[in-house]
Protein backbone atom coordinates (compact mmCIF):
# COMPACT_ATOMS: atom_id res chain seq x y z
CA MET A 1 184.67 -144.35 264.85
CA THR A 2 185.12 -140.61 265.47
CA VAL A 3 182.45 -137.93 266.93
CA PRO A 4 181.50 -135.71 264.23
CA PHE A 5 183.18 -132.27 264.68
CA THR A 6 181.22 -129.33 265.88
CA ASP A 7 182.52 -126.07 265.88
CA LEU A 8 180.44 -124.72 268.82
CA ASP A 9 181.20 -127.63 271.02
CA PRO A 10 184.55 -127.40 272.65
CA PHE A 11 184.48 -130.85 273.68
CA GLN A 12 184.04 -132.45 270.02
CA ASP A 13 187.35 -131.86 268.37
CA PRO A 14 190.26 -133.83 270.61
CA LEU A 15 192.64 -130.89 270.51
CA ASP A 16 189.94 -128.12 271.17
CA SER A 17 188.68 -130.72 273.97
CA ILE A 18 192.05 -130.71 275.63
CA LEU A 19 192.32 -126.66 275.13
CA ALA A 20 188.91 -126.39 276.80
CA GLU A 21 189.90 -128.70 279.62
CA VAL A 22 192.96 -127.10 280.26
CA ALA A 23 190.98 -123.88 280.69
CA LEU A 24 188.40 -125.24 283.14
CA SER A 25 191.53 -126.21 285.55
CA VAL A 26 192.47 -122.48 285.69
CA GLN A 27 188.92 -121.06 285.42
CA LEU A 28 187.47 -119.42 288.73
CA PRO A 29 185.74 -122.55 290.50
CA PRO A 30 181.92 -122.29 291.08
CA SER A 31 182.60 -121.96 294.43
CA LEU A 32 184.37 -118.95 294.45
CA HIS A 33 182.11 -117.63 292.04
CA LYS A 34 179.15 -117.83 294.40
CA LYS A 35 181.25 -115.81 296.98
CA THR A 36 182.23 -113.01 294.57
CA ARG A 37 178.78 -111.33 294.81
CA SER A 38 178.68 -111.33 298.58
CA ARG A 39 182.16 -110.16 299.31
CA PHE A 40 181.60 -107.07 296.81
CA THR A 41 178.66 -106.19 299.04
CA SER A 42 180.32 -106.48 302.13
CA LEU A 43 183.39 -104.50 301.00
CA ARG A 44 181.50 -101.76 299.62
CA GLU A 45 179.29 -101.76 303.34
CA HIS A 46 182.71 -102.05 305.40
CA ILE A 47 184.12 -99.20 303.25
CA GLU A 48 180.48 -96.94 303.32
CA ALA A 49 180.63 -97.64 307.37
CA HIS A 50 183.70 -95.40 307.49
CA PRO A 51 182.49 -91.62 307.74
CA ASP A 52 185.04 -90.43 304.88
CA PHE A 53 182.97 -92.77 302.91
CA LYS A 54 179.42 -92.15 304.32
CA ASP A 55 177.63 -91.45 300.78
CA GLN A 56 180.85 -91.01 298.85
CA ILE A 57 180.85 -94.33 296.72
CA GLU A 58 178.74 -93.81 293.50
CA TRP A 59 179.68 -97.08 291.69
CA PHE A 60 181.15 -100.17 292.54
CA TYR A 61 181.48 -102.35 289.79
CA PRO A 62 183.71 -105.12 288.34
CA GLN A 63 186.88 -104.19 286.03
CA GLY A 64 189.10 -106.22 284.01
CA SER A 65 188.93 -109.61 283.41
CA MET A 66 185.90 -110.31 285.78
CA ALA A 67 183.89 -107.58 283.62
CA ILE A 68 184.61 -109.66 280.41
CA ASP A 69 184.33 -113.32 282.08
CA ALA A 70 187.95 -113.96 281.27
CA THR A 71 189.16 -114.41 285.07
CA ILE A 72 191.96 -117.34 285.30
CA SER A 73 194.28 -118.14 288.06
CA THR A 74 197.37 -115.50 289.24
CA ARG A 75 200.79 -115.67 287.35
CA GLY A 76 202.76 -118.33 289.22
CA THR A 77 199.75 -120.38 290.68
CA ASP A 78 197.10 -122.57 289.69
CA ASP A 79 194.53 -121.91 292.39
CA GLU A 80 194.67 -117.98 293.34
CA TYR A 81 192.62 -115.54 291.72
CA ASP A 82 192.45 -111.73 291.47
CA LEU A 83 189.51 -110.00 290.96
CA ASP A 84 189.22 -106.11 290.36
CA VAL A 85 186.65 -103.64 291.50
CA VAL A 86 186.24 -100.01 290.70
CA ALA A 87 185.00 -97.81 293.57
CA GLN A 88 184.04 -94.29 291.93
CA LEU A 89 184.51 -91.86 294.54
CA GLY A 90 182.08 -88.51 295.24
CA GLY A 91 182.85 -85.10 296.03
CA ARG A 92 184.90 -84.90 298.98
CA PHE A 93 187.86 -86.76 297.33
CA ARG A 94 187.90 -84.56 294.15
CA THR A 95 190.51 -82.29 295.68
CA MET A 96 192.72 -84.64 297.42
CA ALA A 97 195.81 -85.98 296.19
CA PRO A 98 196.30 -89.41 294.66
CA LEU A 99 198.37 -90.81 297.59
CA ASN A 100 195.86 -89.46 299.91
CA ILE A 101 192.83 -91.06 298.28
CA LEU A 102 194.49 -94.42 298.48
CA LEU A 103 195.41 -93.99 302.29
CA ALA A 104 192.19 -93.01 303.01
CA LEU A 105 190.60 -96.16 301.12
CA GLU A 106 193.06 -98.14 303.19
CA GLU A 107 192.18 -96.79 306.37
CA ALA A 108 188.59 -97.29 305.84
CA LEU A 109 189.16 -100.92 305.10
CA GLN A 110 190.97 -101.51 308.38
CA GLY A 111 189.22 -104.04 310.41
CA TYR A 112 187.99 -105.91 307.59
CA PRO A 113 188.09 -109.64 308.40
CA VAL A 114 190.90 -110.80 306.35
CA ALA A 115 194.65 -111.12 307.54
CA ALA A 116 196.17 -108.41 306.03
CA ILE A 117 195.43 -105.08 303.72
CA VAL A 118 197.62 -104.02 301.33
CA ARG A 119 197.90 -100.80 299.72
CA GLN A 120 199.30 -100.90 296.07
CA THR A 121 200.23 -98.03 293.73
CA ARG A 122 196.87 -97.87 292.26
CA CYS A 123 194.42 -99.76 294.21
CA VAL A 124 194.31 -101.41 297.68
CA THR A 125 194.49 -105.59 297.66
CA ILE A 126 192.03 -107.36 300.06
CA PRO A 127 193.45 -111.01 300.25
CA TYR A 128 191.18 -113.95 301.50
CA ALA A 129 191.94 -117.11 302.91
CA ASP A 130 190.81 -118.89 300.42
CA ARG A 131 193.26 -117.82 298.00
CA MET A 132 191.14 -115.11 296.51
CA HIS A 133 192.18 -111.61 296.04
CA ILE A 134 190.11 -108.35 295.65
CA ASP A 135 191.82 -105.24 294.28
CA VAL A 136 189.75 -102.20 294.97
CA THR A 137 190.70 -99.21 292.54
CA PRO A 138 189.44 -95.69 293.67
CA ALA A 139 188.55 -93.44 290.66
CA LEU A 140 187.14 -90.03 290.16
CA ARG A 141 184.39 -89.68 287.59
CA ASP A 142 184.92 -86.97 284.85
CA TYR A 143 181.66 -85.48 284.70
CA GLY A 144 180.14 -84.76 280.87
CA THR A 145 182.08 -87.91 279.31
CA PRO A 146 180.74 -91.14 278.62
CA ASP A 147 179.40 -93.63 281.48
CA ARG A 148 182.20 -94.17 284.16
CA GLN A 149 184.94 -92.71 282.17
CA SER A 150 187.26 -91.67 285.11
CA ARG A 151 190.74 -91.03 286.43
CA ILE A 152 192.29 -93.87 288.65
CA THR A 153 194.78 -92.63 291.48
CA HIS A 154 198.80 -93.62 290.93
CA ALA A 155 200.75 -93.03 293.90
CA LYS A 156 203.50 -95.53 295.09
CA GLY A 157 203.96 -94.03 298.59
CA PRO A 158 204.71 -94.07 301.52
CA ARG A 159 205.29 -90.24 300.67
CA ALA A 160 203.94 -87.94 297.95
CA SER A 161 206.56 -88.09 295.09
CA ALA A 162 206.33 -85.90 291.44
CA ASP A 163 205.42 -89.17 289.81
CA ASP A 164 202.07 -89.09 291.59
CA ARG A 165 199.10 -88.69 289.15
CA LEU A 166 195.62 -89.58 288.03
CA VAL A 167 195.18 -91.64 285.21
CA ASP A 168 192.64 -91.61 282.38
CA MET A 169 190.43 -94.96 282.49
CA ASN A 170 187.05 -96.22 281.22
CA ALA A 171 187.06 -99.74 282.35
CA PHE A 172 183.30 -99.74 282.14
CA GLY A 173 183.28 -98.74 278.25
CA PHE A 174 186.08 -101.07 277.48
CA ALA A 175 184.00 -104.29 279.09
CA GLU A 176 181.18 -102.98 276.95
CA TRP A 177 182.97 -102.77 273.84
CA TYR A 178 184.53 -106.34 274.39
CA LEU A 179 181.00 -107.90 275.23
CA SER A 180 179.52 -106.28 272.27
CA ARG A 181 182.19 -107.94 269.93
CA THR A 182 182.24 -111.01 271.52
CA PRO A 183 178.59 -111.91 271.89
CA THR A 184 177.20 -115.69 273.13
CA GLU A 185 177.17 -118.29 271.19
CA VAL A 186 174.62 -120.77 273.14
CA PRO A 187 175.56 -124.07 272.15
CA PHE A 188 179.19 -123.25 273.33
CA ALA A 189 177.98 -121.31 276.32
CA LYS A 190 175.59 -124.55 277.19
CA ALA A 191 178.46 -127.09 276.60
CA PHE A 192 181.11 -125.08 278.71
CA HIS A 193 178.53 -123.91 281.34
CA ARG A 194 178.02 -128.08 282.17
CA ARG A 195 181.54 -128.51 282.19
CA TRP A 196 182.40 -125.62 284.27
CA LEU A 197 179.55 -127.06 287.09
CA ASP A 198 180.74 -130.64 286.42
CA HIS A 199 184.16 -129.20 287.65
CA GLY A 200 182.81 -127.55 290.54
CA GLY A 201 180.91 -130.69 291.76
CA MET A 202 177.67 -128.86 291.52
CA GLU A 203 174.55 -130.46 290.11
CA VAL A 204 173.43 -129.60 286.30
CA ARG A 205 169.75 -129.78 285.76
CA ALA A 206 168.98 -132.30 282.77
CA ASP A 207 166.06 -130.24 281.43
CA ALA A 208 167.82 -127.20 281.81
CA GLU A 209 167.19 -124.89 278.67
CA VAL A 210 170.19 -123.83 276.21
CA ASP A 211 168.68 -119.90 276.34
CA ASP A 212 168.79 -120.37 280.31
CA VAL A 213 172.61 -119.84 280.29
CA PRO A 214 173.42 -116.69 279.75
CA ASP A 215 170.85 -115.32 282.43
CA GLN A 216 171.48 -118.09 284.79
CA THR A 217 175.25 -116.63 285.28
CA ASP A 218 177.01 -113.37 284.59
CA PHE A 219 180.32 -115.04 285.06
CA ILE A 220 181.15 -117.96 282.92
CA VAL A 221 182.79 -117.90 279.35
CA LYS A 222 180.34 -117.79 276.29
CA ASN A 223 182.05 -117.88 273.38
CA PRO A 224 185.64 -119.46 271.89
CA MET A 225 187.18 -116.23 271.60
CA THR A 226 187.36 -115.77 275.34
CA LEU A 227 188.11 -118.97 276.36
CA ALA A 228 191.07 -118.47 273.70
CA LEU A 229 192.25 -115.30 275.35
CA GLN A 230 192.07 -117.20 278.94
CA LEU A 231 194.32 -119.70 277.22
CA LEU A 232 196.69 -117.09 276.31
CA LYS A 233 197.10 -115.62 279.32
CA ARG A 234 197.46 -118.79 280.60
CA TYR A 235 200.60 -119.47 278.60
CA ARG A 236 201.67 -115.78 279.22
CA ASN A 237 201.78 -116.72 282.71
CA VAL A 238 203.38 -119.81 282.03
CA ARG A 239 206.27 -118.47 279.89
CA TYR A 240 206.93 -115.69 282.44
CA ALA A 241 206.55 -117.57 285.73
CA ASN A 242 209.99 -116.56 286.79
CA TYR A 243 210.14 -113.00 285.28
CA ALA A 244 210.69 -110.47 287.85
CA GLY A 245 209.60 -107.16 285.76
CA ARG A 246 205.93 -106.24 284.14
CA ILE A 247 204.67 -109.01 281.37
CA PRO A 248 202.43 -108.37 278.67
CA PRO A 249 199.23 -106.85 280.42
CA SER A 250 196.06 -108.86 280.21
CA VAL A 251 193.84 -105.71 279.11
CA MET A 252 196.16 -105.62 276.22
CA LEU A 253 195.44 -108.94 275.00
CA SER A 254 191.77 -108.69 275.67
CA CYS A 255 191.86 -105.77 273.59
CA PHE A 256 193.39 -107.88 270.60
CA ALA A 257 190.72 -110.52 271.24
CA GLY A 258 187.74 -108.00 271.39
CA TYR A 259 189.24 -106.79 267.58
CA THR A 260 190.16 -110.38 265.99
CA ALA A 261 186.76 -112.14 267.26
CA ALA A 262 184.70 -113.96 264.68
CA PRO A 263 181.77 -116.19 265.04
CA ARG A 264 181.72 -120.07 265.22
CA LEU A 265 185.64 -120.41 265.68
CA GLY A 266 187.07 -123.53 266.71
CA LEU A 267 189.24 -123.07 269.94
CA ALA A 268 192.52 -124.05 268.73
CA GLU A 269 191.63 -121.92 265.68
CA ALA A 270 190.82 -118.86 267.75
CA VAL A 271 193.93 -119.09 269.88
CA ILE A 272 196.09 -118.99 266.63
CA ARG A 273 193.99 -116.08 265.38
CA LEU A 274 194.43 -114.01 268.46
CA SER A 275 198.16 -114.85 268.45
CA ASN A 276 198.86 -114.07 265.13
CA ALA A 277 197.18 -110.71 265.37
CA ILE A 278 199.59 -109.97 268.14
CA ILE A 279 202.49 -110.98 266.44
CA LEU A 280 201.68 -108.76 263.25
CA GLU A 281 201.44 -105.87 265.33
CA ILE A 282 204.45 -106.41 267.40
CA GLU A 283 206.54 -106.69 264.04
CA ALA A 284 204.83 -103.98 262.16
CA ALA A 285 205.76 -101.43 265.56
CA SER A 286 209.51 -103.16 265.85
CA ARG A 287 210.05 -102.22 261.83
CA ALA A 288 209.33 -98.79 262.89
CA ALA A 289 211.72 -98.95 265.28
CA GLN A 290 208.54 -98.18 267.69
CA LEU A 291 207.09 -99.71 271.15
CA LEU A 292 203.93 -101.34 270.73
CA TYR A 293 200.82 -99.21 271.29
CA VAL A 294 197.49 -100.24 272.47
CA ASP A 295 194.77 -98.06 273.75
CA ASN A 296 191.05 -98.05 275.03
CA PRO A 297 188.54 -98.35 271.92
CA ALA A 298 186.09 -96.79 274.22
CA HIS A 299 188.56 -94.06 275.73
CA PRO A 300 190.97 -93.66 272.70
CA GLY A 301 194.27 -91.62 273.04
CA ARG A 302 193.89 -91.07 276.73
CA ASP A 303 193.50 -94.56 278.46
CA VAL A 304 196.65 -96.57 276.90
CA PHE A 305 196.85 -100.15 277.75
CA THR A 306 200.66 -100.53 277.10
CA ASP A 307 201.77 -97.44 279.35
CA ARG A 308 203.92 -99.48 281.44
CA TRP A 309 204.60 -102.60 279.13
CA PRO A 310 206.65 -103.07 276.86
CA ALA A 311 209.33 -100.86 277.90
CA SER A 312 211.70 -101.82 275.26
CA ILE A 313 211.60 -103.29 271.72
CA THR A 314 213.62 -106.35 272.82
CA GLN A 315 210.90 -106.88 275.06
CA GLN A 316 207.97 -106.70 272.71
CA ASN A 317 209.80 -108.80 270.49
CA GLU A 318 210.31 -111.57 272.92
CA PHE A 319 207.06 -111.75 273.58
CA ALA A 320 206.29 -112.39 269.72
CA LYS A 321 208.83 -115.06 269.77
CA HIS A 322 206.83 -116.71 272.50
CA LEU A 323 203.62 -116.41 270.63
CA ARG A 324 205.26 -117.82 267.46
CA ASP A 325 206.56 -120.73 269.00
CA LEU A 326 202.84 -121.13 270.52
CA VAL A 327 201.05 -120.96 266.78
CA HIS A 328 203.74 -123.28 265.41
CA ASN A 329 202.94 -125.93 268.12
CA LEU A 330 199.11 -125.61 267.73
CA GLU A 331 199.19 -125.68 263.97
CA LYS A 332 201.33 -129.28 264.19
CA MET A 333 199.08 -130.54 266.77
CA ARG A 334 195.88 -129.38 264.26
CA LYS A 335 197.87 -131.32 261.43
CA ARG A 336 198.50 -134.20 263.43
CA GLN A 337 202.16 -133.98 263.09
CA LEU A 338 202.93 -134.88 266.80
CA ALA A 339 203.07 -138.09 268.19
CA PRO A 340 200.57 -138.40 271.36
CA ASN A 341 203.08 -138.22 273.62
CA GLU A 342 204.67 -135.41 272.18
CA MET A 343 201.84 -133.68 271.95
CA MET A 344 201.04 -133.92 275.31
CA ASP A 345 204.54 -132.73 276.14
CA GLU A 346 204.06 -129.68 274.29
CA LEU A 347 201.03 -128.97 275.90
CA ARG A 348 202.71 -129.23 279.45
CA ARG A 349 205.16 -126.90 278.14
CA SER A 350 202.58 -124.58 277.20
CA PHE A 351 200.14 -124.26 279.69
CA GLY A 352 201.95 -126.09 282.93
CA ASP A 353 202.35 -130.09 283.87
CA ARG A 354 199.51 -130.03 286.60
CA VAL A 355 196.59 -128.27 284.76
CA VAL A 356 197.39 -130.60 281.34
CA THR A 357 197.74 -133.45 283.36
CA LYS A 358 194.38 -132.64 285.55
CA ALA A 359 192.75 -132.02 282.30
CA ALA A 360 193.92 -135.45 280.46
CA ASP A 361 192.46 -137.20 283.45
CA ASN A 362 189.34 -135.15 283.53
CA MET A 363 188.72 -135.99 279.74
CA ALA A 364 189.33 -139.92 280.25
CA THR A 365 186.84 -139.88 283.39
CA ARG A 366 184.39 -138.09 281.26
CA LEU A 367 184.84 -140.30 278.17
CA GLY A 368 185.01 -143.55 280.38
CA ALA A 369 183.64 -146.16 277.50
CA ALA A 370 183.90 -143.90 274.69
CA LEU A 371 187.63 -144.11 274.55
CA GLU A 372 187.59 -147.92 273.45
CA THR A 373 184.75 -147.38 270.98
CA SER A 374 185.52 -144.10 269.04
CA ARG A 375 189.14 -143.99 269.83
CA GLN A 376 189.30 -140.66 270.55
CA GLY A 377 190.37 -139.17 274.02
CA PHE A 378 192.94 -139.12 276.81
CA ALA A 379 194.14 -141.81 278.57
CA ARG A 380 194.76 -141.44 282.40
CA SER A 381 198.37 -141.76 281.71
CA GLY A 382 198.39 -138.44 279.72
CA ALA A 383 198.76 -139.68 276.40
CA LEU A 384 196.43 -138.55 273.83
CA ILE A 385 194.33 -141.01 271.59
CA LEU A 386 193.14 -139.43 268.30
CA PRO A 387 191.17 -140.84 265.05
CA ALA A 388 193.78 -142.47 262.90
CA ALA A 389 192.84 -140.29 259.88
CA ALA A 390 191.47 -137.06 261.37
CA PRO A 391 191.45 -134.23 258.73
CA ALA A 392 192.81 -130.76 259.47
CA ILE A 393 189.93 -128.68 260.65
CA ALA A 394 189.47 -125.59 258.00
CA ARG A 395 190.47 -122.07 259.33
CA PRO A 396 189.65 -118.93 257.36
CA SER A 397 192.53 -116.55 256.70
CA LEU A 398 192.99 -114.14 259.49
CA VAL A 399 191.88 -110.60 258.21
CA THR A 400 194.18 -107.50 259.38
CA ALA A 401 194.65 -104.36 259.06
CA LYS A 402 198.03 -102.72 257.19
CA PRO A 403 201.02 -102.45 259.49
CA ASN A 404 200.14 -99.55 262.25
CA THR A 405 196.66 -99.39 261.49
CA PHE A 406 195.21 -102.48 263.32
CA PHE A 407 193.30 -100.63 265.97
CA GLY A 408 191.75 -97.92 263.82
CA VAL A 409 189.97 -100.62 261.69
CA LYS A 410 186.88 -102.54 262.39
CA MET A 411 187.07 -106.19 261.90
């Protein structure tokens, strides 16, 4: 007996199920999620208590992965999380040099109850003892432009240099664009929300309405493409775990996810679709002897997501090769061309030994007696038990634009 496949439920299809469990294993846990709002509030209040910042924070809002519900553990870790917030500053900072703005923010954060305050090139980092980090990025609003379109500081320090500058940014506009292209798929969100709470040891209300999910939380995956984005970020983190330089930026991957999103995708299908879109764009750029160029659809031509990566055609081709390997292996898994142990080995190489083993164990616990009756699931040993003759999941062909036109075409 097999469990009927429903493409909105990530826990029905065997491959989608283990991929969803992997994503759950690197997700910001409920215990830390509960702390984010209070920490954002306390950070803002601490900064505004400094005389230089009194009445000078116009907006204090999340950006990046947090703003689109796509946060995962930091590169090289399984339980450390970087969150990003923008501090839009008022008039007194508009005549200050970029480095001086960063120094002022660093000074205002002194005395905040953490072990250290770390000034970076574009932000100030606050590391918490529970392995959460919050990066506060100062920004100056470009008045007369779309909502929260700004410029952020870029200054390495410790002294001012000719490279110091203000960089165009509209993180708020990008998040709005992304969320508009990846709307909530309620059955998917409901299933994932329940598992997320279960992973955190939180009680799930038995009579909760399906429609409650989007309103109950503003920080949980609500559609398969965003979960696919998290898996791709995790795959990138594993591939580049020992790499010292810059890696493919998360915001660039998020932009591709927004362009390639489609309703009712299976999870493996969404990862393959997203990966193929990036591969095609890299190949087109490399054929033209150009670096991959991706900009913010909410601030085109100015807010460039690939301004610091790739540094060379070789670098972007290396990432395309990694993605082709991922697609090849996922396709083999979907077609049941790998033995169970081979499949688990490939998943461990792709997403990390610890999280895949944890995912298999979680599935074994969740399925319990159903393992024997349905012959579908994962044993505690990490061996995958699949239906004997499961059909391949149908996948519509990926629609892409012609080379060098991808980001000017709606999909």
